[in-house]
Amino acid sequence: MARTGPFEYLQQVRAETAKVVWPSRRETIVTTIMVVIMAVLASIFFLIADQIFSWGVTQLLQLGH
């Protein structure tokens, strides 16, 4: 594999960057909203799961008394 110089490398980077199809503003907003919704749902799920496990461990520890 031949080494490329810095100038040629920058030309290749610029050529590849020109091929990128950037999302529209609407696509970015919709995707961001979906990520926020999924993060909130995941946090609620883990909160509920944590509360259930906490209650279960408390019940098990109280059996020893």
N, C-alpha and C. Protein backbone atom coordinates (compact mmCIF):
# COMPACT_ATOMS: atom_id res chain seq x y z
N MET A 1 0.85 -1.17 0.00
CA MET A 1 0.00 0.00 0.00
C MET A 1 0.90 1.24 0.00
N ALA A 2 0.70 2.07 -0.99
CA ALA A 2 1.53 3.26 -1.13
C ALA A 2 1.11 4.33 -0.13
N ARG A 3 2.09 5.06 0.37
CA ARG A 3 1.79 6.16 1.29
C ARG A 3 1.37 7.38 0.49
N THR A 4 0.43 8.11 1.06
CA THR A 4 -0.01 9.34 0.40
C THR A 4 0.50 10.53 1.20
N GLY A 5 0.76 11.60 0.48
CA GLY A 5 1.23 12.81 1.14
C GLY A 5 0.07 13.55 1.78
N PRO A 6 0.38 14.54 2.60
CA PRO A 6 -0.67 15.29 3.29
C PRO A 6 -1.62 16.01 2.34
N PHE A 7 -1.09 16.57 1.26
CA PHE A 7 -1.95 17.30 0.31
C PHE A 7 -2.92 16.34 -0.37
N GLU A 8 -2.42 15.20 -0.82
CA GLU A 8 -3.28 14.21 -1.47
C GLU A 8 -4.32 13.66 -0.48
N TYR A 9 -3.89 13.45 0.74
CA TYR A 9 -4.81 12.97 1.78
C TYR A 9 -5.96 13.95 1.98
N LEU A 10 -5.65 15.25 2.08
CA LEU A 10 -6.69 16.25 2.26
C LEU A 10 -7.64 16.31 1.07
N GLN A 11 -7.10 16.10 -0.13
CA GLN A 11 -7.95 16.06 -1.33
C GLN A 11 -8.91 14.88 -1.24
N GLN A 12 -8.41 13.74 -0.80
CA GLN A 12 -9.26 12.55 -0.68
C GLN A 12 -10.34 12.76 0.39
N VAL A 13 -9.96 13.38 1.49
CA VAL A 13 -10.94 13.65 2.56
C VAL A 13 -12.02 14.59 2.04
N ARG A 14 -11.63 15.62 1.33
CA ARG A 14 -12.61 16.57 0.78
C ARG A 14 -13.54 15.87 -0.21
N ALA A 15 -13.00 14.98 -1.05
CA ALA A 15 -13.81 14.25 -2.03
C ALA A 15 -14.81 13.34 -1.31
N GLU A 16 -14.37 12.65 -0.26
CA GLU A 16 -15.27 11.76 0.47
C GLU A 16 -16.33 12.56 1.23
N THR A 17 -15.96 13.70 1.77
CA THR A 17 -16.91 14.54 2.50
C THR A 17 -17.99 15.06 1.56
N ALA A 18 -17.63 15.32 0.32
CA ALA A 18 -18.61 15.80 -0.66
C ALA A 18 -19.66 14.74 -0.98
N LYS A 19 -19.33 13.47 -0.77
CA LYS A 19 -20.26 12.37 -1.05
C LYS A 19 -21.28 12.18 0.08
N VAL A 20 -21.04 12.76 1.23
CA VAL A 20 -21.92 12.56 2.38
C VAL A 20 -23.27 13.22 2.12
N VAL A 21 -24.34 12.47 2.43
CA VAL A 21 -25.68 13.02 2.31
C VAL A 21 -26.12 13.40 3.72
N TRP A 22 -26.15 14.69 4.00
CA TRP A 22 -26.47 15.16 5.33
C TRP A 22 -27.98 15.14 5.53
N PRO A 23 -28.44 14.82 6.75
CA PRO A 23 -29.89 14.80 6.99
C PRO A 23 -30.47 16.22 6.97
N SER A 24 -31.74 16.28 6.63
CA SER A 24 -32.40 17.58 6.62
C SER A 24 -32.66 18.03 8.06
N ARG A 25 -33.04 19.29 8.19
CA ARG A 25 -33.33 19.82 9.53
C ARG A 25 -34.48 19.04 10.17
N ARG A 26 -35.50 18.73 9.38
CA ARG A 26 -36.66 17.99 9.89
C ARG A 26 -36.26 16.59 10.35
N GLU A 27 -35.45 15.90 9.55
CA GLU A 27 -34.98 14.56 9.94
C GLU A 27 -34.19 14.62 11.25
N THR A 28 -33.37 15.62 11.39
CA THR A 28 -32.57 15.77 12.61
C THR A 28 -33.46 16.00 13.82
N ILE A 29 -34.47 16.85 13.68
CA ILE A 29 -35.38 17.14 14.78
C ILE A 29 -36.18 15.89 15.16
N VAL A 30 -36.72 15.19 14.17
CA VAL A 30 -37.51 13.98 14.44
C VAL A 30 -36.64 12.92 15.12
N THR A 31 -35.44 12.73 14.64
CA THR A 31 -34.54 11.74 15.23
C THR A 31 -34.18 12.12 16.66
N THR A 32 -33.93 13.39 16.91
CA THR A 32 -33.60 13.86 18.26
C THR A 32 -34.77 13.62 19.21
N ILE A 33 -35.97 13.92 18.76
CA ILE A 33 -37.16 13.70 19.59
C ILE A 33 -37.31 12.21 19.91
N MET A 34 -37.10 11.36 18.93
CA MET A 34 -37.20 9.91 19.15
C MET A 34 -36.16 9.43 20.16
N VAL A 35 -34.96 9.95 20.08
CA VAL A 35 -33.91 9.56 21.04
C VAL A 35 -34.30 10.00 22.45
N VAL A 36 -34.82 11.21 22.59
CA VAL A 36 -35.23 11.69 23.91
C VAL A 36 -36.36 10.83 24.46
N ILE A 37 -37.34 10.49 23.63
CA ILE A 37 -38.46 9.64 24.06
C ILE A 37 -37.95 8.27 24.51
N MET A 38 -37.06 7.67 23.72
CA MET A 38 -36.53 6.35 24.08
C MET A 38 -35.71 6.41 25.37
N ALA A 39 -34.97 7.49 25.58
CA ALA A 39 -34.19 7.64 26.81
C ALA A 39 -35.12 7.76 28.02
N VAL A 40 -36.20 8.51 27.88
CA VAL A 40 -37.17 8.66 28.98
C VAL A 40 -37.83 7.31 29.27
N LEU A 41 -38.24 6.59 28.23
CA LEU A 41 -38.87 5.28 28.43
C LEU A 41 -37.90 4.30 29.09
N ALA A 42 -36.64 4.30 28.66
CA ALA A 42 -35.65 3.41 29.26
C ALA A 42 -35.42 3.78 30.72
N SER A 43 -35.36 5.06 31.03
CA SER A 43 -35.14 5.47 32.43
C SER A 43 -36.34 5.08 33.30
N ILE A 44 -37.55 5.20 32.78
CA ILE A 44 -38.73 4.78 33.54
C ILE A 44 -38.71 3.28 33.77
N PHE A 45 -38.37 2.52 32.73
CA PHE A 45 -38.27 1.06 32.86
C PHE A 45 -37.27 0.68 33.94
N PHE A 46 -36.07 1.27 33.89
CA PHE A 46 -35.05 0.91 34.87
C PHE A 46 -35.42 1.39 36.27
N LEU A 47 -36.12 2.50 36.39
CA LEU A 47 -36.60 2.96 37.70
C LEU A 47 -37.56 1.93 38.29
N ILE A 48 -38.51 1.47 37.48
CA ILE A 48 -39.48 0.48 37.95
C ILE A 48 -38.78 -0.83 38.31
N ALA A 49 -37.86 -1.28 37.44
CA ALA A 49 -37.13 -2.52 37.71
C ALA A 49 -36.32 -2.39 39.00
N ASP A 50 -35.69 -1.26 39.20
CA ASP A 50 -34.90 -1.04 40.41
C ASP A 50 -35.78 -1.06 41.66
N GLN A 51 -36.95 -0.45 41.57
CA GLN A 51 -37.87 -0.45 42.71
C GLN A 51 -38.34 -1.86 43.04
N ILE A 52 -38.63 -2.65 42.02
CA ILE A 52 -39.06 -4.04 42.23
C ILE A 52 -37.94 -4.85 42.88
N PHE A 53 -36.72 -4.73 42.36
CA PHE A 53 -35.59 -5.47 42.95
C PHE A 53 -35.32 -5.00 44.38
N SER A 54 -35.43 -3.72 44.62
CA SER A 54 -35.21 -3.18 45.96
C SER A 54 -36.24 -3.75 46.93
N TRP A 55 -37.50 -3.75 46.51
CA TRP A 55 -38.56 -4.31 47.34
C TRP A 55 -38.30 -5.80 47.59
N GLY A 56 -37.90 -6.54 46.56
CA GLY A 56 -37.63 -7.97 46.71
C GLY A 56 -36.49 -8.26 47.67
N VAL A 57 -35.41 -7.51 47.55
CA VAL A 57 -34.27 -7.70 48.46
C VAL A 57 -34.67 -7.36 49.88
N THR A 58 -35.44 -6.30 50.06
CA THR A 58 -35.91 -5.93 51.41
C THR A 58 -36.73 -7.06 52.00
N GLN A 59 -37.61 -7.63 51.20
CA GLN A 59 -38.44 -8.74 51.69
C GLN A 59 -37.59 -9.94 52.08
N LEU A 60 -36.58 -10.25 51.28
CA LEU A 60 -35.70 -11.39 51.59
C LEU A 60 -34.91 -11.14 52.88
N LEU A 61 -34.42 -9.92 53.06
CA LEU A 61 -33.65 -9.62 54.26
C LEU A 61 -34.51 -9.63 55.51
N GLN A 62 -35.77 -9.29 55.38
CA GLN A 62 -36.66 -9.29 56.54
C GLN A 62 -37.04 -10.70 56.96
N LEU A 63 -36.87 -11.69 56.08
CA LEU A 63 -37.17 -13.07 56.43
C LEU A 63 -36.22 -13.57 57.52
N GLY A 64 -35.02 -13.02 57.57
CA GLY A 64 -34.02 -13.45 58.55
C GLY A 64 -34.30 -12.99 59.97
N HIS A 65 -35.13 -11.98 60.12
CA HIS A 65 -35.41 -11.45 61.47
C HIS A 65 -36.28 -12.35 62.24
